Amino acid sequence: MWKGLFKPRPAKATLPSINQTEEHATEAAETPVDEKRMEDSHDEAAPDNDAMYVLANFTGLLIVQGATEKRQIRYVMEVVCPTTRHKFECVKRFNQFSDLRQRSLDVLHQCRSKRCPKCTSVAATIQAQPFPGRRLFTTLQHVRERALPLEAFLQCVLDNALNWNGCKRSKHAFNQVASQFVGAPVDGMYLSSDRPSLDFRKSIRHLMVERPVSIGDAVADTREENASPTTRCPSLPQDSFEEEEHKENEDEAHPSIQPLEHVAVPEVSTTPAPPATCKDGPSSELPTSSDQSLTHPTTVVAANVVDERVE
């Protein structure tokens, strides 16, 4: 009855056992560490410094109003290259991820028809990667559940593209499929200055260069045109100046006679004429034609009639 209540106490540590532990600690401190063994194991575990490694991270969802559908859900993947410190975003739909999987398997299947064991192993790794299935009625929960499997699938494709284990015949086709999906060249396995990097925005910046606009023979820069209010005119050819000089020399050698535009008209005196006298009757002053023309033009006819009667 009382046997299970009281347990035996543990034995106290004796002096020889304490001395043995102290000696073991001193021996462990005195023995040097084999540095060669540590370096070899570290070199085996460490990756190659020249190899390129890319990480794919799911950052969020993007809802876009498309042409065929009112709401299109797109998955935003952030692709990061730690060695070159380049980062960009890959925004794709679920159907595009499914097409990437099918196209990559088709490329490897073309080489598998020739019984290539290396391409068969690459296709097996991609096919073994879990991929979310299609849904007839997609809900928000299904969209959230797809995010992490799509991230892992994209990481698997990038790893196989950068660290290619297949044959050379299918390497170019597989890298081309991955590059078209990501939007950047991923066939640079080793870092070098000649190989293109994953930062595809740099190549776009080189194309966005202001080009000069040519107007005839003169060349005007777009910046200067925007700055100056006046527009530049094209330079006139030298032949036009020579033709004008030739015409001037011909005119001096053979002067032309021009008709008179205005004919000189004789001046009419405005001084009053002496008064006319009549033989039969008393003298009467008759207005002259010049005076009547100046004062009253209607009295000229009457004066002419009087002259005829007098005669």
C-alpha atoms as a PDB file:
ATOM      1  CA  MET A   1       0.000   0.000   0.000  1.00  0.00           C
ATOM      2  CA  TRP A   2       2.759   2.441   0.920  1.00  0.00           C
ATOM      3  CA  LYS A   3       5.295   1.126  -1.566  1.00  0.00           C
ATOM      4  CA  GLY A   4       4.363   3.446  -4.432  1.00  0.00           C
ATOM      5  CA  LEU A   5       4.188   6.629  -2.369  1.00  0.00           C
ATOM      6  CA  PHE A   6       7.832   6.999  -1.481  1.00  0.00           C
ATOM      7  CA  LYS A   7      10.390   6.934  -4.297  1.00  0.00           C
ATOM      8  CA  PRO A   8      14.124   6.464  -3.718  1.00  0.00           C
ATOM      9  CA  ARG A   9      16.157   9.654  -3.821  1.00  0.00           C
ATOM     10  CA  PRO A  10      18.851  10.009  -6.524  1.00  0.00           C
ATOM     11  CA  ALA A  11      22.403   9.355  -5.448  1.00  0.00           C
ATOM     12  CA  LYS A  12      24.539  12.389  -4.643  1.00  0.00           C
ATOM     13  CA  ALA A  13      27.443  13.253  -6.924  1.00  0.00           C
ATOM     14  CA  THR A  14      30.691  11.987  -5.542  1.00  0.00           C
ATOM     15  CA  LEU A  15      34.094  13.624  -5.873  1.00  0.00           C
ATOM     16  CA  PRO A  16      35.488  11.248  -8.516  1.00  0.00           C
ATOM     17  CA  SER A  17      32.473  11.828 -10.805  1.00  0.00           C
ATOM     18  CA  ILE A  18      32.915  15.606 -10.501  1.00  0.00           C
ATOM     19  CA  ASN A  19      36.597  15.297 -11.310  1.00  0.00           C
ATOM     20  CA  GLN A  20      35.818  13.205 -14.398  1.00  0.00           C
ATOM     21  CA  THR A  21      33.486  15.862 -15.825  1.00  0.00           C
ATOM     22  CA  GLU A  22      36.076  18.595 -15.240  1.00  0.00           C
ATOM     23  CA  GLU A  23      38.758  16.573 -17.019  1.00  0.00           C
ATOM     24  CA  HIS A  24      36.439  15.963 -19.974  1.00  0.00           C
ATOM     25  CA  ALA A  25      35.752  19.691 -20.276  1.00  0.00           C
ATOM     26  CA  THR A  26      39.467  20.561 -20.211  1.00  0.00           C
ATOM     27  CA  GLU A  27      40.228  17.960 -22.870  1.00  0.00           C
ATOM     28  CA  ALA A  28      37.495  19.322 -25.134  1.00  0.00           C
ATOM     29  CA  ALA A  29      38.858  22.830 -24.730  1.00  0.00           C
ATOM     30  CA  GLU A  30      42.457  21.806 -25.418  1.00  0.00           C
ATOM     31  CA  THR A  31      41.800  19.727 -28.553  1.00  0.00           C
ATOM     32  CA  PRO A  32      41.951  21.986 -31.687  1.00  0.00           C
ATOM     33  CA  VAL A  33      39.133  22.010 -34.210  1.00  0.00           C
ATOM     34  CA  ASP A  34      39.870  20.478 -37.591  1.00  0.00           C
ATOM     35  CA  GLU A  35      39.568  23.499 -39.884  1.00  0.00           C
ATOM     36  CA  LYS A  36      39.914  21.495 -43.098  1.00  0.00           C
ATOM     37  CA  ARG A  37      36.904  19.373 -42.229  1.00  0.00           C
ATOM     38  CA  MET A  38      34.834  22.488 -41.503  1.00  0.00           C
ATOM     39  CA  GLU A  39      35.862  24.188 -44.755  1.00  0.00           C
ATOM     40  CA  ASP A  40      35.074  21.117 -46.846  1.00  0.00           C
ATOM     41  CA  SER A  41      31.623  20.714 -45.349  1.00  0.00           C
ATOM     42  CA  HIS A  42      30.925  24.459 -45.779  1.00  0.00           C
ATOM     43  CA  ASP A  43      31.985  24.401 -49.413  1.00  0.00           C
ATOM     44  CA  GLU A  44      29.753  21.444 -50.136  1.00  0.00           C
ATOM     45  CA  ALA A  45      26.699  23.099 -48.589  1.00  0.00           C
ATOM     46  CA  ALA A  46      27.299  26.597 -49.973  1.00  0.00           C
ATOM     47  CA  PRO A  47      25.919  27.309 -53.443  1.00  0.00           C
ATOM     48  CA  ASP A  48      27.955  28.614 -56.315  1.00  0.00           C
ATOM     49  CA  ASN A  49      28.553  32.356 -56.077  1.00  0.00           C
ATOM     50  CA  ASP A  50      28.182  32.872 -59.830  1.00  0.00           C
ATOM     51  CA  ALA A  51      24.782  31.180 -60.068  1.00  0.00           C
ATOM     52  CA  MET A  52      21.642  33.281 -60.303  1.00  0.00           C
ATOM     53  CA  TYR A  53      18.817  32.612 -57.859  1.00  0.00           C
ATOM     54  CA  VAL A  54      15.387  34.181 -58.165  1.00  0.00           C
ATOM     55  CA  LEU A  55      12.614  34.255 -55.577  1.00  0.00           C
ATOM     56  CA  ALA A  56       8.912  34.518 -56.412  1.00  0.00           C
ATOM     57  CA  ASN A  57       6.680  36.064 -53.725  1.00  0.00           C
ATOM     58  CA  PHE A  58       2.915  36.504 -53.808  1.00  0.00           C
ATOM     59  CA  THR A  59       2.096  40.109 -52.867  1.00  0.00           C
ATOM     60  CA  GLY A  60      -1.655  40.400 -53.420  1.00  0.00           C
ATOM     61  CA  LEU A  61      -4.663  40.280 -55.716  1.00  0.00           C
ATOM     62  CA  LEU A  62      -5.611  42.828 -58.352  1.00  0.00           C
ATOM     63  CA  ILE A  63      -9.167  43.292 -59.649  1.00  0.00           C
ATOM     64  CA  VAL A  64      -9.281  44.757 -63.163  1.00  0.00           C
ATOM     65  CA  GLN A  65     -12.239  45.659 -65.369  1.00  0.00           C
ATOM     66  CA  GLY A  66     -11.612  43.781 -68.601  1.00  0.00           C
ATOM     67  CA  ALA A  67     -13.114  43.984 -72.076  1.00  0.00           C
ATOM     68  CA  THR A  68     -14.959  40.657 -71.897  1.00  0.00           C
ATOM     69  CA  GLU A  69     -15.608  40.477 -68.157  1.00  0.00           C
ATOM     70  CA  LYS A  70     -16.524  43.149 -65.653  1.00  0.00           C
ATOM     71  CA  ARG A  71     -14.163  41.787 -63.001  1.00  0.00           C
ATOM     72  CA  GLN A  72     -10.890  40.056 -63.750  1.00  0.00           C
ATOM     73  CA  ILE A  73      -8.877  38.775 -60.805  1.00  0.00           C
ATOM     74  CA  ARG A  74      -5.125  38.822 -61.326  1.00  0.00           C
ATOM     75  CA  TYR A  75      -2.365  37.496 -59.102  1.00  0.00           C
ATOM     76  CA  VAL A  76       0.539  39.850 -58.409  1.00  0.00           C
ATOM     77  CA  MET A  77       3.857  38.002 -58.095  1.00  0.00           C
ATOM     78  CA  GLU A  78       7.018  39.831 -57.078  1.00  0.00           C
ATOM     79  CA  VAL A  79      10.137  38.326 -58.645  1.00  0.00           C
ATOM     80  CA  VAL A  80      13.366  39.223 -56.828  1.00  0.00           C
ATOM     81  CA  CYS A  81      16.958  38.426 -57.738  1.00  0.00           C
ATOM     82  CA  PRO A  82      19.070  38.740 -54.551  1.00  0.00           C
ATOM     83  CA  THR A  83      22.443  38.649 -56.326  1.00  0.00           C
ATOM     84  CA  THR A  84      21.716  41.536 -58.706  1.00  0.00           C
ATOM     85  CA  ARG A  85      19.152  43.239 -56.388  1.00  0.00           C
ATOM     86  CA  HIS A  86      16.629  43.548 -59.193  1.00  0.00           C
ATOM     87  CA  LYS A  87      12.911  43.402 -58.499  1.00  0.00           C
ATOM     88  CA  PHE A  88       9.821  43.609 -60.653  1.00  0.00           C
ATOM     89  CA  GLU A  89       6.188  42.517 -60.647  1.00  0.00           C
ATOM     90  CA  CYS A  90       4.468  39.837 -62.695  1.00  0.00           C
ATOM     91  CA  VAL A  91       0.682  40.340 -62.869  1.00  0.00           C
ATOM     92  CA  LYS A  92      -1.115  37.384 -64.483  1.00  0.00           C
ATOM     93  CA  ARG A  93      -4.472  35.634 -64.468  1.00  0.00           C
ATOM     94  CA  PHE A  94      -5.107  32.055 -63.412  1.00  0.00           C
ATOM     95  CA  ASN A  95      -5.632  30.976 -67.034  1.00  0.00           C
ATOM     96  CA  GLN A  96      -2.181  32.305 -67.909  1.00  0.00           C
ATOM     97  CA  PHE A  97      -0.593  30.223 -65.147  1.00  0.00           C
ATOM     98  CA  SER A  98      -2.411  27.180 -66.496  1.00  0.00           C
ATOM     99  CA  ASP A  99      -1.167  27.926 -70.023  1.00  0.00           C
ATOM    100  CA  LEU A 100       2.393  28.243 -68.701  1.00  0.00           C
ATOM    101  CA  ARG A 101       2.181  24.789 -67.156  1.00  0.00           C
ATOM    102  CA  GLN A 102       0.752  23.240 -70.312  1.00  0.00           C
ATOM    103  CA  ARG A 103       3.262  24.907 -72.656  1.00  0.00           C
ATOM    104  CA  SER A 104       6.267  23.973 -70.537  1.00  0.00           C
ATOM    105  CA  LEU A 105       5.125  20.331 -70.427  1.00  0.00           C
ATOM    106  CA  ASP A 106       4.549  20.347 -74.194  1.00  0.00           C
ATOM    107  CA  VAL A 107       8.084  21.617 -74.815  1.00  0.00           C
ATOM    108  CA  LEU A 108       9.532  18.875 -72.643  1.00  0.00           C
ATOM    109  CA  HIS A 109       7.226  16.271 -74.210  1.00  0.00           C
ATOM    110  CA  GLN A 110       8.640  17.045 -77.667  1.00  0.00           C
ATOM    111  CA  CYS A 111      12.082  16.139 -76.416  1.00  0.00           C
ATOM    112  CA  ARG A 112      10.764  13.170 -74.428  1.00  0.00           C
ATOM    113  CA  SER A 113       9.560  11.633 -77.671  1.00  0.00           C
ATOM    114  CA  LYS A 114      13.240  11.190 -78.488  1.00  0.00           C
ATOM    115  CA  ARG A 115      13.703   9.351 -75.167  1.00  0.00           C
ATOM    116  CA  CYS A 116      15.735  11.974 -73.324  1.00  0.00           C
ATOM    117  CA  PRO A 117      16.044  10.944 -69.641  1.00  0.00           C
ATOM    118  CA  LYS A 118      17.059  14.439 -68.514  1.00  0.00           C
ATOM    119  CA  CYS A 119      13.990  16.145 -69.964  1.00  0.00           C
ATOM    120  CA  THR A 120      11.844  13.369 -68.540  1.00  0.00           C
ATOM    121  CA  SER A 121      13.087  14.157 -65.040  1.00  0.00           C
ATOM    122  CA  VAL A 122      12.455  17.902 -65.502  1.00  0.00           C
ATOM    123  CA  ALA A 123       8.921  17.222 -66.727  1.00  0.00           C
ATOM    124  CA  ALA A 124       8.329  14.912 -63.768  1.00  0.00           C
ATOM    125  CA  THR A 125       9.339  17.641 -61.291  1.00  0.00           C
ATOM    126  CA  ILE A 126       7.028  20.203 -62.924  1.00  0.00           C
ATOM    127  CA  GLN A 127       4.160  17.740 -63.126  1.00  0.00           C
ATOM    128  CA  ALA A 128       4.642  16.684 -59.508  1.00  0.00           C
ATOM    129  CA  GLN A 129       4.375  20.290 -58.345  1.00  0.00           C
ATOM    130  CA  PRO A 130       0.829  20.777 -56.932  1.00  0.00           C
ATOM    131  CA  PHE A 131      -1.280  23.035 -59.121  1.00  0.00           C
ATOM    132  CA  PRO A 132      -4.789  24.312 -58.217  1.00  0.00           C
ATOM    133  CA  GLY A 133      -7.670  23.059 -60.322  1.00  0.00           C
ATOM    134  CA  ARG A 134     -10.404  24.934 -62.124  1.00  0.00           C
ATOM    135  CA  ARG A 135     -13.746  25.761 -60.550  1.00  0.00           C
ATOM    136  CA  LEU A 136     -17.082  26.224 -62.251  1.00  0.00           C
ATOM    137  CA  PHE A 137     -18.161  28.887 -59.765  1.00  0.00           C
ATOM    138  CA  THR A 138     -15.077  30.563 -58.318  1.00  0.00           C
ATOM    139  CA  THR A 139     -15.484  32.149 -54.911  1.00  0.00           C
ATOM    140  CA  LEU A 140     -13.209  34.410 -52.913  1.00  0.00           C
ATOM    141  CA  GLN A 141     -12.059  31.477 -50.818  1.00  0.00           C
ATOM    142  CA  HIS A 142     -10.982  29.577 -53.932  1.00  0.00           C
ATOM    143  CA  VAL A 143      -9.036  32.612 -55.135  1.00  0.00           C
ATOM    144  CA  ARG A 144      -7.191  32.881 -51.836  1.00  0.00           C
ATOM    145  CA  GLU A 145      -6.405  29.174 -51.817  1.00  0.00           C
ATOM    146  CA  ARG A 146      -4.838  29.402 -55.272  1.00  0.00           C
ATOM    147  CA  ALA A 147      -2.313  32.098 -54.332  1.00  0.00           C
ATOM    148  CA  LEU A 148       0.328  30.036 -52.525  1.00  0.00           C
ATOM    149  CA  PRO A 149       0.247  27.030 -54.926  1.00  0.00           C
ATOM    150  CA  LEU A 150       0.693  29.397 -57.878  1.00  0.00           C
ATOM    151  CA  GLU A 151       3.631  31.033 -56.108  1.00  0.00           C
ATOM    152  CA  ALA A 152       5.273  27.644 -55.532  1.00  0.00           C
ATOM    153  CA  PHE A 153       4.645  26.618 -59.144  1.00  0.00           C
ATOM    154  CA  LEU A 154       6.233  29.808 -60.509  1.00  0.00           C
ATOM    155  CA  GLN A 155       9.215  29.273 -58.222  1.00  0.00           C
ATOM    156  CA  CYS A 156       9.594  25.730 -59.575  1.00  0.00           C
ATOM    157  CA  VAL A 157       9.541  26.938 -63.187  1.00  0.00           C
ATOM    158  CA  LEU A 158      12.120  29.672 -62.517  1.00  0.00           C
ATOM    159  CA  ASP A 159      14.423  27.272 -60.684  1.00  0.00           C
ATOM    160  CA  ASN A 160      14.327  24.807 -63.572  1.00  0.00           C
ATOM    161  CA  ALA A 161      14.913  27.584 -66.106  1.00  0.00           C
ATOM    162  CA  LEU A 162      17.909  29.084 -64.299  1.00  0.00           C
ATOM    163  CA  ASN A 163      19.451  25.789 -63.140  1.00  0.00           C
ATOM    164  CA  TRP A 164      18.720  23.705 -66.214  1.00  0.00           C
ATOM    165  CA  ASN A 165      19.125  19.956 -65.827  1.00  0.00           C
ATOM    166  CA  GLY A 166      17.712  18.901 -69.194  1.00  0.00           C
ATOM    167  CA  CYS A 167      19.337  18.610 -72.594  1.00  0.00           C
ATOM    168  CA  LYS A 168      20.449  21.519 -74.743  1.00  0.00           C
ATOM    169  CA  ARG A 169      17.840  20.898 -77.426  1.00  0.00           C
ATOM    170  CA  SER A 170      14.908  21.842 -75.193  1.00  0.00           C
ATOM    171  CA  LYS A 171      16.717  24.459 -73.095  1.00  0.00           C
ATOM    172  CA  HIS A 172      16.127  27.367 -75.471  1.00  0.00           C
ATOM    173  CA  ALA A 173      12.431  26.560 -75.978  1.00  0.00           C
ATOM    174  CA  PHE A 174      11.779  26.180 -72.247  1.00  0.00           C
ATOM    175  CA  ASN A 175      13.575  29.434 -71.416  1.00  0.00           C
ATOM    176  CA  GLN A 176      11.631  31.231 -74.128  1.00  0.00           C
ATOM    177  CA  VAL A 177       8.316  30.077 -72.643  1.00  0.00           C
ATOM    178  CA  ALA A 178       9.358  31.212 -69.154  1.00  0.00           C
ATOM    179  CA  SER A 179      10.695  34.551 -70.434  1.00  0.00           C
ATOM    180  CA  GLN A 180       7.460  35.350 -72.273  1.00  0.00           C
ATOM    181  CA  PHE A 181       5.444  34.678 -69.129  1.00  0.00           C
ATOM    182  CA  VAL A 182       7.660  36.637 -66.739  1.00  0.00           C
ATOM    183  CA  GLY A 183       8.427  39.474 -69.156  1.00  0.00           C
ATOM    184  CA  ALA A 184      12.216  39.320 -68.748  1.00  0.00           C
ATOM    185  CA  PRO A 185      15.013  37.048 -70.002  1.00  0.00           C
ATOM    186  CA  VAL A 186      15.641  34.215 -67.551  1.00  0.00           C
ATOM    187  CA  ASP A 187      18.218  32.267 -69.533  1.00  0.00           C
ATOM    188  CA  GLY A 188      21.215  33.943 -67.829  1.00  0.00           C
ATOM    189  CA  MET A 189      22.420  31.209 -65.469  1.00  0.00           C
ATOM    190  CA  TYR A 190      25.718  32.926 -64.673  1.00  0.00           C
ATOM    191  CA  LEU A 191      26.155  36.577 -63.884  1.00  0.00           C
ATOM    192  CA  SER A 192      28.183  38.524 -66.405  1.00  0.00           C
ATOM    193  CA  SER A 193      28.174  41.994 -67.885  1.00  0.00           C
ATOM    194  CA  ASP A 194      27.221  40.738 -71.348  1.00  0.00           C
ATOM    195  CA  ARG A 195      24.203  38.722 -70.267  1.00  0.00           C
ATOM    196  CA  PRO A 196      20.882  40.624 -69.914  1.00  0.00           C
ATOM    197  CA  SER A 197      19.602  41.020 -66.380  1.00  0.00           C
ATOM    198  CA  LEU A 198      16.092  40.582 -65.040  1.00  0.00           C
ATOM    199  CA  ASP A 199      15.572  44.344 -64.883  1.00  0.00           C
ATOM    200  CA  PHE A 200      13.663  44.727 -68.152  1.00  0.00           C
ATOM    201  CA  ARG A 201      12.813  48.373 -67.406  1.00  0.00           C
ATOM    202  CA  LYS A 202      16.393  49.430 -68.168  1.00  0.00           C
ATOM    203  CA  SER A 203      16.044  48.275 -71.769  1.00  0.00           C
ATOM    204  CA  ILE A 204      12.884  50.361 -72.103  1.00  0.00           C
ATOM    205  CA  ARG A 205      14.670  53.450 -70.767  1.00  0.00           C
ATOM    206  CA  HIS A 206      17.327  53.145 -73.490  1.00  0.00           C
ATOM    207  CA  LEU A 207      14.619  53.180 -76.164  1.00  0.00           C
ATOM    208  CA  MET A 208      12.968  56.326 -74.761  1.00  0.00           C
ATOM    209  CA  VAL A 209      15.452  58.785 -76.327  1.00  0.00           C
ATOM    210  CA  GLU A 210      14.506  62.134 -77.851  1.00  0.00           C
ATOM    211  CA  ARG A 211      15.302  62.120 -81.552  1.00  0.00           C
ATOM    212  CA  PRO A 212      15.918  65.320 -83.619  1.00  0.00           C
ATOM    213  CA  VAL A 213      13.232  66.253 -86.144  1.00  0.00           C
ATOM    214  CA  SER A 214      14.509  67.164 -89.641  1.00  0.00           C
ATOM    215  CA  ILE A 215      12.702  69.903 -91.638  1.00  0.00           C
ATOM    216  CA  GLY A 216      14.037  69.933 -95.201  1.00  0.00           C
ATOM    217  CA  ASP A 217      17.767  70.592 -95.028  1.00  0.00           C
ATOM    218  CA  ALA A 218      17.720  72.180 -91.567  1.00  0.00           C
ATOM    219  CA  VAL A 219      17.690  70.048 -88.430  1.00  0.00           C
ATOM    220  CA  ALA A 220      15.878  71.322 -85.348  1.00  0.00           C
ATOM    221  CA  ASP A 221      15.937  69.783 -81.913  1.00  0.00           C
ATOM    222  CA  THR A 222      12.620  69.085 -80.223  1.00  0.00           C
ATOM    223  CA  ARG A 223      13.752  70.731 -77.016  1.00  0.00           C
ATOM    224  CA  GLU A 224      14.675  73.990 -78.772  1.00  0.00           C
ATOM    225  CA  GLU A 225      11.374  74.054 -80.646  1.00  0.00           C
ATOM    226  CA  ASN A 226       9.429  73.776 -77.405  1.00  0.00           C
ATOM    227  CA  ALA A 227      11.539  76.478 -75.751  1.00  0.00           C
ATOM    228  CA  SER A 228      11.530  79.090 -78.582  1.00  0.00           C
ATOM    229  CA  PRO A 229       8.166  80.575 -79.684  1.00  0.00           C
ATOM    230  CA  THR A 230       9.311  81.105 -83.283  1.00  0.00           C
ATOM    231  CA  THR A 231       9.517  78.184 -85.686  1.00  0.00           C
ATOM    232  CA  ARG A 232      12.541  77.483 -87.795  1.00  0.00           C
ATOM    233  CA  CYS A 233      12.256  77.732 -91.586  1.00  0.00           C
ATOM    234  CA  PRO A 234      14.187  75.531 -93.982  1.00  0.00           C
ATOM    235  CA  SER A 235      17.213  77.068 -95.644  1.00  0.00           C
ATOM    236  CA  LEU A 236      16.597  78.337 -99.204  1.00  0.00           C
ATOM    237  CA  PRO A 237      18.656  76.758-101.978  1.00  0.00           C
ATOM    238  CA  GLN A 238      21.402  78.764-103.645  1.00  0.00           C
ATOM    239  CA  ASP A 239      19.919  78.333-107.143  1.00  0.00           C
ATOM    240  CA  SER A 240      17.066  80.750-106.384  1.00  0.00           C
ATOM    241  CA  PHE A 241      19.525  83.571-105.578  1.00  0.00           C
ATOM    242  CA  GLU A 242      21.445  82.953-108.820  1.00  0.00           C
ATOM    243  CA  GLU A 243      18.242  83.149-110.910  1.00  0.00           C
ATOM    244  CA  GLU A 244      17.284  86.494-109.363  1.00  0.00           C
ATOM    245  CA  GLU A 245      20.727  87.979-110.090  1.00  0.00           C
ATOM    246  CA  HIS A 246      20.532  86.754-113.711  1.00  0.00           C
ATOM    247  CA  LYS A 247      17.154  88.451-114.222  1.00  0.00           C
ATOM    248  CA  GLU A 248      18.450  91.760-112.823  1.00  0.00           C
ATOM    249  CA  ASN A 249      21.413  91.729-115.241  1.00  0.00           C
ATOM    250  CA  GLU A 250      19.110  91.121-118.241  1.00  0.00           C
ATOM    251  CA  ASP A 251      16.866  94.027-117.246  1.00  0.00           C
ATOM    252  CA  GLU A 252      19.828  96.405-117.074  1.00  0.00           C
ATOM    253  CA  ALA A 253      21.150  95.340-120.508  1.00  0.00           C
ATOM    254  CA  HIS A 254      17.750  95.588-122.335  1.00  0.00           C
ATOM    255  CA  PRO A 255      15.577  98.238-120.703  1.00  0.00           C
ATOM    256  CA  SER A 256      11.899  97.909-121.546  1.00  0.00           C
ATOM    257  CA  ILE A 257       9.632 100.865-122.566  1.00  0.00           C
ATOM    258  CA  GLN A 258       6.690 101.082-120.265  1.00  0.00           C
ATOM    259  CA  PRO A 259       3.429 102.839-121.390  1.00  0.00           C
ATOM    260  CA  LEU A 260       2.380 106.041-119.718  1.00  0.00           C
ATOM    261  CA  GLU A 261      -0.199 105.397-117.125  1.00  0.00           C
ATOM    262  CA  HIS A 262      -1.290 109.056-116.680  1.00  0.00           C
ATOM    263  CA  VAL A 263      -1.743 111.477-119.654  1.00  0.00           C
ATOM    264  CA  ALA A 264      -1.142 115.185-119.007  1.00  0.00           C
ATOM    265  CA  VAL A 265      -4.370 117.215-119.293  1.00  0.00           C
ATOM    266  CA  PRO A 266      -4.117 120.924-120.257  1.00  0.00           C
ATOM    267  CA  GLU A 267      -5.038 123.322-117.548  1.00  0.00           C
ATOM    268  CA  VAL A 268      -8.211 125.369-117.912  1.00  0.00           C
ATOM    269  CA  SER A 269      -7.996 128.996-116.831  1.00  0.00           C
ATOM    270  CA  THR A 270     -10.545 130.076-114.308  1.00  0.00           C
ATOM    271  CA  THR A 271     -10.262 133.892-114.974  1.00  0.00           C
ATOM    272  CA  PRO A 272     -13.597 135.560-115.948  1.00  0.00           C
ATOM    273  CA  ALA A 273     -13.997 136.567-119.645  1.00  0.00           C
ATOM    274  CA  PRO A 274     -15.033 140.158-120.704  1.00  0.00           C
ATOM    275  CA  PRO A 275     -18.782 140.808-120.968  1.00  0.00           C
ATOM    276  CA  ALA A 276     -20.355 140.340-124.428  1.00  0.00           C
ATOM    277  CA  THR A 277     -22.219 143.331-126.086  1.00  0.00           C
ATOM    278  CA  CYS A 278     -25.265 143.199-128.356  1.00  0.00           C
ATOM    279  CA  LYS A 279     -25.664 145.547-131.422  1.00  0.00           C
ATOM    280  CA  ASP A 280     -29.426 145.956-131.438  1.00  0.00           C
ATOM    281  CA  GLY A 281     -30.201 146.063-127.790  1.00  0.00           C
ATOM    282  CA  PRO A 282     -28.690 147.308-124.637  1.00  0.00           C
ATOM    283  CA  SER A 283     -25.644 145.642-123.299  1.00  0.00           C
ATOM    284  CA  SER A 284     -26.299 142.576-121.193  1.00  0.00           C
ATOM    285  CA  GLU A 285     -23.847 140.610-119.296  1.00  0.00           C
ATOM    286  CA  LEU A 286     -23.865 136.941-120.303  1.00  0.00           C
ATOM    287  CA  PRO A 287     -22.119 134.330-118.245  1.00  0.00           C
ATOM    288  CA  THR A 288     -19.364 132.404-119.960  1.00  0.00           C
ATOM    289  CA  SER A 289     -19.152 128.661-120.160  1.00  0.00           C
ATOM    290  CA  SER A 290     -16.185 128.583-117.834  1.00  0.00           C
ATOM    291  CA  ASP A 291     -18.010 130.554-115.186  1.00  0.00           C
ATOM    292  CA  GLN A 292     -21.152 128.459-115.492  1.00  0.00           C
ATOM    293  CA  SER A 293     -19.193 125.282-115.251  1.00  0.00           C
ATOM    294  CA  LEU A 294     -17.788 126.454-111.977  1.00  0.00           C
ATOM    295  CA  THR A 295     -20.993 127.801-110.478  1.00  0.00           C
ATOM    296  CA  HIS A 296     -24.189 126.428-112.061  1.00  0.00           C
ATOM    297  CA  PRO A 297     -23.814 123.784-114.767  1.00  0.00           C
ATOM    298  CA  THR A 298     -27.559 123.972-115.700  1.00  0.00           C
ATOM    299  CA  THR A 299     -27.258 127.543-117.184  1.00  0.00           C
ATOM    300  CA  VAL A 300     -24.793 126.554-119.892  1.00  0.00           C
ATOM    301  CA  VAL A 301     -27.543 125.447-122.326  1.00  0.00           C
ATOM    302  CA  ALA A 302     -29.381 128.787-122.015  1.00  0.00           C
ATOM    303  CA  ALA A 303     -26.232 130.777-122.752  1.00  0.00           C
ATOM    304  CA  ASN A 304     -25.607 128.809-125.943  1.00  0.00           C
ATOM    305  CA  VAL A 305     -29.157 129.461-127.161  1.00  0.00           C
ATOM    306  CA  VAL A 306     -28.745 133.239-126.612  1.00  0.00           C
ATOM    307  CA  ASP A 307     -25.495 133.224-128.608  1.00  0.00           C
ATOM    308  CA  GLU A 308     -27.188 131.536-131.578  1.00  0.00           C
ATOM    309  CA  ARG A 309     -30.008 134.136-131.586  1.00  0.00           C
ATOM    310  CA  VAL A 310     -27.541 136.999-131.453  1.00  0.00           C
ATOM    311  CA  GLU A 311     -25.698 135.673-134.436  1.00  0.00           C
END
